[in-house]
Protein backbone atom coordinates (compact mmCIF):
# COMPACT_ATOMS: atom_id res chain seq x y z
CA MET A 1 147.91 -54.83 -113.39
CA GLU A 2 150.09 -57.32 -111.51
CA GLU A 3 148.30 -60.31 -109.93
CA SER A 4 149.15 -59.11 -106.42
CA GLU A 5 147.53 -55.73 -107.17
CA LEU A 6 144.51 -57.40 -108.69
CA ARG A 7 144.15 -59.61 -105.62
CA GLU A 8 144.21 -56.60 -103.32
CA LEU A 9 141.70 -54.67 -105.42
CA ILE A 10 139.24 -57.57 -105.67
CA ARG A 11 139.58 -58.29 -101.95
CA GLU A 12 138.70 -54.69 -101.10
CA TYR A 13 135.64 -54.69 -103.36
CA ALA A 14 134.51 -58.04 -101.96
CA MET A 15 134.87 -56.79 -98.39
CA GLN A 16 132.88 -53.65 -99.12
CA VAL A 17 130.13 -55.59 -100.88
CA ARG A 18 129.95 -58.03 -97.99
CA LEU A 19 129.67 -55.15 -95.51
CA ASP A 20 126.86 -53.60 -97.57
CA GLN A 21 124.98 -56.78 -98.50
CA GLY A 22 125.90 -59.34 -95.84
CA GLU A 23 127.61 -61.60 -98.38
CA ALA A 24 129.75 -61.04 -101.47
CA SER A 25 128.83 -62.89 -104.66
CA LEU A 26 130.66 -63.24 -107.95
CA THR A 27 127.98 -61.24 -109.75
CA SER A 28 127.91 -58.29 -107.35
CA VAL A 29 131.70 -57.98 -107.03
CA LEU A 30 132.37 -58.21 -110.76
CA LYS A 31 129.63 -55.72 -111.48
CA HIS A 32 131.45 -53.12 -109.38
CA VAL A 33 134.93 -53.99 -110.56
CA ILE A 34 133.97 -53.60 -114.22
CA ALA A 35 131.87 -50.47 -113.62
CA GLU A 36 134.64 -48.72 -111.69
CA ASN A 37 137.56 -50.08 -113.74
CA PRO A 38 136.34 -50.63 -117.33
CA GLY A 39 139.90 -50.96 -118.60
CA MET A 40 140.29 -54.17 -116.57
CA LYS A 41 137.54 -56.11 -118.36
CA THR A 42 139.98 -58.26 -120.34
CA GLN A 43 142.07 -59.12 -117.29
CA VAL A 44 138.95 -59.89 -115.26
CA ARG A 45 137.72 -62.29 -117.95
CA SER A 46 140.76 -64.46 -117.44
CA SER A 47 140.72 -64.24 -113.62
CA VAL A 48 137.30 -65.59 -112.63
CA ALA A 49 138.74 -68.55 -110.69
CA LEU A 50 141.00 -66.22 -108.70
CA ILE A 51 138.13 -63.83 -108.00
CA LYS A 52 135.88 -66.64 -106.76
CA GLU A 53 138.69 -67.80 -104.45
CA LEU A 54 139.06 -64.31 -102.96
CA ILE A 55 135.29 -63.93 -102.52
CA GLY A 56 135.25 -67.22 -100.62
CA GLU A 57 138.03 -65.98 -98.33
CA VAL A 58 136.20 -62.70 -97.65
CA ASN A 59 132.89 -64.43 -96.91
CA SER A 60 134.62 -66.65 -94.35
CA MET A 61 136.22 -63.70 -92.49
CA GLU A 62 135.03 -62.61 -89.07
CA GLU A 63 133.02 -59.40 -89.26
CA ASN A 64 135.39 -57.48 -86.96
CA ASP A 65 138.35 -58.33 -89.19
CA LEU A 66 136.31 -57.33 -92.21
CA SER A 67 135.47 -53.86 -90.98
CA GLU A 68 139.04 -53.19 -89.88
CA SER A 69 140.46 -54.28 -93.25
CA SER A 70 138.08 -52.47 -95.58
CA SER A 71 139.68 -49.56 -97.40
CA GLY A 72 136.38 -47.76 -97.91
CA ILE A 73 135.92 -48.24 -101.64
CA SER A 74 132.60 -46.63 -102.41
CA VAL A 75 129.98 -49.13 -103.53
CA ASP A 76 126.75 -47.20 -104.02
CA GLU A 77 124.27 -50.04 -104.27
CA SER A 78 120.99 -48.27 -104.55
CA SER A 79 121.13 -44.51 -105.12
CA GLU A 80 119.80 -44.76 -108.70
CA TYR A 81 117.13 -47.22 -107.62
CA GLU A 82 116.09 -45.23 -104.56
CA MET A 83 115.91 -42.06 -106.64
CA LEU A 84 113.61 -43.73 -109.16
CA VAL A 85 111.29 -45.12 -106.47
CA LYS A 86 111.01 -41.70 -104.79
CA LEU A 87 110.46 -39.92 -108.08
CA VAL A 88 107.76 -42.30 -109.32
CA SER A 89 105.99 -42.23 -105.94
CA GLN A 90 106.08 -38.45 -105.73
CA LYS A 91 104.86 -37.84 -109.28
CA LEU A 92 102.01 -40.33 -109.01
CA LEU A 93 100.79 -39.32 -105.58
CA ASP A 94 101.22 -35.54 -105.90
CA SER A 95 98.08 -35.32 -108.04
CA PRO A 96 94.99 -35.49 -105.77
CA GLU A 97 92.84 -36.44 -108.78
CA LEU A 98 95.10 -39.33 -109.80
CA LYS A 99 95.69 -40.42 -106.21
CA LYS A 100 91.94 -41.04 -105.81
CA ASP A 101 92.11 -43.63 -108.59
CA ILE A 102 95.11 -45.49 -107.17
CA LYS A 103 94.09 -48.29 -104.87
CA SER A 104 97.64 -49.62 -104.46
CA LEU A 105 101.16 -48.59 -105.42
CA MET A 106 103.94 -51.06 -104.65
CA ILE A 107 107.20 -52.62 -105.80
CA TYR A 108 107.86 -56.34 -105.96
CA GLY A 109 110.55 -58.74 -107.12
CA SER A 110 114.30 -58.66 -106.53
CA TYR A 111 114.58 -54.96 -105.61
CA ALA A 112 111.73 -55.19 -103.10
CA LYS A 113 113.46 -58.20 -101.52
CA LYS A 114 116.82 -56.36 -101.64
CA LEU A 115 118.32 -59.16 -103.73
CA HIS A 116 118.76 -57.07 -106.86
CA VAL A 117 121.89 -56.77 -108.99
CA VAL A 118 122.73 -53.13 -109.60
CA GLY A 119 122.42 -52.11 -113.24
CA ASP A 120 120.83 -55.42 -114.20
CA SER A 121 117.73 -55.94 -112.05
CA ASP A 122 114.51 -54.11 -112.80
CA ILE A 123 112.43 -52.20 -110.31
CA ASN A 124 109.02 -53.79 -110.74
CA PHE A 125 106.35 -51.18 -110.02
CA LEU A 126 102.76 -52.33 -109.68
CA ILE A 127 99.76 -50.00 -109.67
CA VAL A 128 96.23 -51.26 -109.01
CA LEU A 129 93.46 -48.83 -109.94
CA THR A 130 90.02 -48.63 -108.37
CA ALA A 131 87.28 -50.18 -110.48
CA ASN A 132 85.53 -47.20 -112.05
CA LYS A 133 84.75 -45.76 -115.47
CA LYS A 134 87.67 -43.30 -115.29
CA SER A 135 90.35 -45.96 -115.10
CA GLU A 136 91.34 -45.49 -118.77
CA ASP A 137 91.99 -41.80 -118.09
CA ALA A 138 94.12 -42.79 -115.08
CA ILE A 139 96.12 -45.26 -117.19
CA GLU A 140 96.78 -42.53 -119.76
CA ALA A 141 97.91 -40.10 -117.04
CA ILE A 142 100.21 -42.68 -115.42
CA THR A 143 101.73 -43.62 -118.77
CA SER A 144 102.41 -39.96 -119.50
CA ILE A 145 104.10 -39.49 -116.11
CA ALA A 146 106.23 -42.60 -116.65
CA GLU A 147 107.38 -41.36 -120.06
CA GLU A 148 108.36 -38.04 -118.49
CA ILE A 149 110.31 -39.65 -115.63
CA VAL A 150 112.06 -42.54 -117.35
CA THR A 151 115.05 -41.22 -119.26
CA PRO A 152 117.06 -43.51 -121.59
CA GLU A 153 119.71 -43.82 -118.85
CA ILE A 154 117.33 -45.54 -116.42
CA ALA A 155 114.81 -47.12 -118.80
CA HIS A 156 116.58 -50.50 -118.53
CA ILE A 157 115.74 -50.80 -114.81
CA PHE A 158 112.14 -49.58 -114.99
CA ASP A 159 109.19 -51.97 -115.26
CA LEU A 160 105.58 -50.93 -114.72
CA MET A 161 102.40 -53.01 -114.55
CA ILE A 162 98.97 -51.38 -114.24
CA LEU A 163 96.00 -53.49 -113.14
CA LYS A 164 92.42 -52.70 -112.30
CA GLU A 165 91.02 -53.92 -109.00
CA ASP A 166 88.75 -56.49 -110.64
CA ASP A 167 91.67 -57.89 -112.70
CA ILE A 168 93.06 -59.63 -109.63
CA SER A 169 90.36 -62.29 -109.74
CA ASP A 170 91.05 -62.98 -113.44
CA LEU A 171 94.85 -63.07 -113.78
CA GLU A 172 94.76 -65.82 -116.42
CA LYS A 173 93.80 -63.28 -119.09
CA PHE A 174 97.23 -61.62 -118.82
CA GLU A 175 99.01 -64.88 -119.72
CA HIS A 176 102.81 -64.48 -119.29
CA VAL A 177 102.66 -60.66 -118.80
CA PHE A 178 101.36 -60.90 -115.22
CA THR A 179 100.95 -64.42 -113.92
CA TYR A 180 100.24 -65.99 -110.54
CA ILE A 181 104.01 -66.02 -110.03
CA HIS A 182 104.10 -62.22 -110.34
CA ALA A 183 101.09 -62.04 -108.00
CA LEU A 184 102.81 -64.35 -105.51
CA TYR A 185 105.82 -62.03 -105.37
CA ALA A 186 103.52 -59.01 -105.18
CA LYS A 187 101.94 -60.58 -102.10
CA GLU A 188 105.37 -60.30 -100.45
CA GLY A 189 106.15 -56.94 -102.07
CA GLU A 190 106.85 -53.53 -100.54
CA LEU A 191 103.77 -51.33 -100.24
CA ILE A 192 104.29 -47.63 -101.00
CA TYR A 193 100.68 -46.43 -100.90
CA GLY A 194 97.23 -47.90 -100.30
CA GLU A 195 96.73 -51.56 -99.52
CA ASN A 196 98.25 -54.81 -100.72
CA LEU A 197 95.34 -56.40 -102.57
CA PHE A 198 97.26 -59.67 -103.00
CA LYS A 199 97.57 -60.40 -99.27
CA ASP A 200 94.39 -62.45 -99.12
CA LEU A 201 94.72 -64.04 -102.55
CA LYS A 202 94.91 -67.82 -102.31
CA PHE A 203 97.59 -69.62 -104.29
CA THR A 204 97.90 -73.30 -105.16
CA ASN A 205 100.89 -75.17 -106.49
CA LYS A 206 98.93 -75.69 -109.72
CA ASN A 207 98.51 -71.90 -110.10
CA ILE A 208 102.26 -71.48 -109.86
CA GLN A 209 103.10 -74.44 -112.09
CA ASP A 210 100.71 -73.26 -114.82
CA ALA A 211 102.19 -69.76 -114.60
CA ALA A 212 105.73 -71.19 -114.67
CA LYS A 213 104.98 -73.09 -117.86
CA LEU A 214 103.80 -69.85 -119.49
CA LEU A 215 107.03 -68.08 -118.49
CA ILE A 216 109.18 -71.00 -119.63
CA GLU A 217 107.37 -71.25 -122.95
CA ASP A 218 107.76 -67.52 -123.56
CA SER A 219 111.47 -67.57 -122.66
CA ILE A 220 112.13 -70.57 -124.93
CA SER A 221 110.43 -68.74 -127.80
CA GLN A 222 112.63 -65.71 -127.10
CA PHE A 223 115.74 -67.91 -127.12
CA PHE A 224 115.06 -69.30 -130.59
CA GLU A 225 113.91 -65.91 -131.89
CA ILE A 226 117.26 -64.47 -130.78
CA GLU A 227 119.10 -67.25 -132.61
CA LYS A 228 117.06 -66.56 -135.75
CA THR A 229 117.76 -62.83 -135.56
CA ALA A 230 121.47 -63.50 -135.03
CA LYS A 231 121.65 -65.45 -138.29
CA GLU A 232 119.68 -62.82 -140.21
CA GLU A 233 121.46 -59.75 -138.86
CA GLY A 234 124.89 -61.14 -138.02
CA LEU A 235 124.88 -60.24 -134.33
CA PRO A 236 128.36 -60.20 -132.75
CA GLU A 237 129.13 -63.37 -130.80
CA ASP A 238 129.41 -61.56 -127.45
CA GLU A 239 126.05 -59.87 -127.91
CA LEU A 240 124.41 -63.15 -128.91
CA ASP A 241 125.78 -64.97 -125.85
CA TYR A 242 124.57 -62.15 -123.60
CA LEU A 243 121.04 -62.34 -124.99
CA LEU A 244 120.89 -66.14 -124.96
CA GLY A 245 122.21 -66.16 -121.39
CA SER A 246 119.35 -63.90 -120.31
CA SER A 247 116.82 -66.31 -121.81
CA ILE A 248 118.44 -69.28 -120.07
CA ILE A 249 118.25 -67.48 -116.72
CA ASP A 250 114.56 -66.77 -117.33
CA ILE A 251 113.93 -70.44 -118.17
CA ALA A 252 115.81 -71.55 -115.06
CA PHE A 253 113.73 -69.18 -112.94
CA GLY A 254 110.50 -70.51 -114.42
CA LEU A 255 111.63 -74.09 -113.88
CA SER A 256 112.51 -73.32 -110.25
CA CYS A 257 109.02 -71.96 -109.67
CA TYR A 258 107.55 -75.01 -111.43
CA LYS A 259 109.48 -77.35 -109.12
CA ALA A 260 108.97 -75.39 -105.86
CA GLY A 261 105.40 -74.17 -106.35
CA VAL A 262 104.09 -71.72 -103.75
CA LYS A 263 107.25 -72.20 -101.67
CA SER A 264 109.34 -70.47 -104.37
CA VAL A 265 108.62 -67.03 -102.93
CA LYS A 266 110.05 -68.11 -99.57
CA MET A 267 113.22 -69.41 -101.25
CA ASP A 268 114.26 -66.01 -102.58
CA LEU A 269 114.18 -67.27 -106.16
CA VAL A 270 114.36 -63.91 -107.89
CA LYS A 271 116.02 -62.96 -111.16
CA PRO A 272 118.61 -62.17 -112.37
CA ASP A 273 121.10 -63.43 -109.77
CA ILE A 274 119.59 -66.87 -109.34
CA HIS A 275 122.22 -69.51 -110.11
CA GLU A 276 123.52 -69.73 -106.51
CA GLU A 277 119.98 -70.11 -105.13
CA ILE A 278 119.15 -72.81 -107.69
CA ILE A 279 121.88 -75.10 -106.39
CA GLU A 280 120.63 -74.67 -102.83
CA VAL A 281 116.97 -75.22 -103.74
CA TRP A 282 117.34 -78.02 -106.29
CA GLY A 283 120.12 -79.87 -104.50
CA THR A 284 123.38 -81.30 -105.79
CA ASP A 285 121.73 -84.48 -107.08
CA SER A 286 118.95 -82.84 -109.08
CA GLU A 287 118.09 -84.22 -112.51
CA PHE A 288 119.22 -80.79 -113.76
CA SER A 289 122.42 -80.57 -111.70
CA SER A 290 124.62 -81.22 -114.74
CA PHE A 291 123.43 -77.84 -116.05
CA TYR A 292 124.61 -75.81 -113.03
CA PRO A 293 127.82 -74.76 -114.86
CA LEU A 294 125.60 -73.54 -117.71
CA PHE A 295 123.79 -71.12 -115.37
CA GLU A 296 127.11 -69.78 -114.13
CA LYS A 297 128.23 -69.17 -117.71
CA ALA A 298 124.93 -67.43 -118.49
CA HIS A 299 125.45 -65.01 -115.61
CA ALA A 300 129.04 -64.42 -116.58
CA PHE A 301 127.98 -63.55 -120.13
CA LYS A 302 125.55 -60.98 -118.70
CA LEU A 303 128.63 -59.35 -117.16
CA SER A 304 130.55 -59.51 -120.45
CA ILE A 305 132.82 -62.19 -119.01
CA LYS A 306 133.67 -65.37 -120.89
CA LEU A 307 134.36 -68.23 -118.49
CA PRO A 308 136.78 -71.02 -119.39
CA GLU A 309 135.26 -73.94 -121.30
CA SER A 310 132.43 -71.83 -122.72
CA ASP A 311 132.82 -73.02 -126.31
CA ASN A 312 129.78 -75.35 -126.11
CA PHE A 313 127.52 -72.73 -124.52
CA ARG A 314 124.81 -72.70 -127.19
CA GLU A 315 124.76 -76.47 -127.52
CA ASP A 316 124.43 -76.78 -123.73
CA CYS A 317 121.59 -74.23 -123.81
CA GLU A 318 119.66 -76.25 -126.36
CA ASN A 319 120.20 -79.49 -124.41
CA PHE A 320 118.90 -77.77 -121.26
CA ILE A 321 115.85 -76.45 -123.11
CA GLN A 322 115.05 -79.91 -124.49
CA LYS A 323 115.21 -81.44 -121.01
CA VAL A 324 112.97 -78.66 -119.61
CA ILE A 325 110.42 -79.30 -122.36
CA GLU A 326 110.39 -83.01 -121.55
CA TYR A 327 110.21 -82.42 -117.78
CA THR A 328 107.32 -79.91 -117.90
CA GLY A 329 105.38 -81.57 -120.71
CA LEU A 330 105.56 -78.56 -123.01
CA SER A 331 105.29 -79.19 -126.73
CA GLY A 332 108.73 -79.03 -128.39
C-alpha cells in the first residue's frame, strides 16, 4: 500500500476509535488495523512513527470536524465482551438454587472501567458466595457453568475469581491470586447482582504496597521462567518478546500501585494498556523515567510490532527488573 493510502486508512481508524472511546491511542488503533487488515502487519511494523503522528493529529481535531470526516469504518469495541457478560450473568442467575448462594456477582478491572484493550484485556468476574456449608457445591456448579460457556475462542478474555463471604476479612491467604489491589479495584467495580461487599472495606497504603510486592515478585518469577523455557524449548524470538513484554507490563503495573498506594485506583492504572498512564502518574523526572521507552516496546510486542531500536529489549528488561528489586526491597 502506498504511504498516502496508509495515511488515509490509519486516519480513518483513529477517528473512529476516538469517536467511540473519546481518545485514540497507539494500542487501540493498531489493534484494529491489524485485526481488519492482517496482510498489512509487516508494513505497520515499519510505520509506527507515522501512525503515532496521525493519532496525535486526530486527537487534536475539533469534534465537529471529526464526525464530519469519519468514513464509518466499523470498530466493534465490545460485542464479544458484552456477550460474555450477559451469558455468564444469565447462566449463573437463572438457577434459583444457585442464585441463593451468590451474595455478589460483579466485574472489575479494565473492562469494568471501560479502559480495556479489545482482544487483550480480560473480563475479571468476581463471585462472592454466602458463608454456608453448601458453598463447595456452589463452587462446583459455577465451575461447571464456566466450562460450558467459555469456548476456546473466548477463553483468553475470561477470568473468574470465587470467594466466600468470610474470605474478605482474610485476603492475605490468597497471596498474589487475589490481593488487596484486586479488592481495591473490586471496590470500584461494576455490580451485576447482589451487593458490593468491598465498599466498606478499609484500605491502607501498606495493604496496597504489600500486595504490589507480591504481584511484582510473581511477575519477575514468570519473566525468568519464560527465559528458561525459551532456552529449553527454542521459542521463536517474536513469541519470546511477546511473553517477556507481558511480564514487564505486569511488573510496571505492580510498581505503579506500590508507588501510588490507595490512590492507584483513582489514577486508572489498569492493565494491559498502562504505559501512557505511567508517564502521567510517575512524571517525566521519575527515577524510572529512562525505562518509559521499554514499556512502549513491551506494548508493541504484544501487538506483534517490533519498534525501531528494540535490539536491547531483553537487556533493558533485566535492568528494569534489577532497579525494581532494589527500589522495593525484594530479594534478588
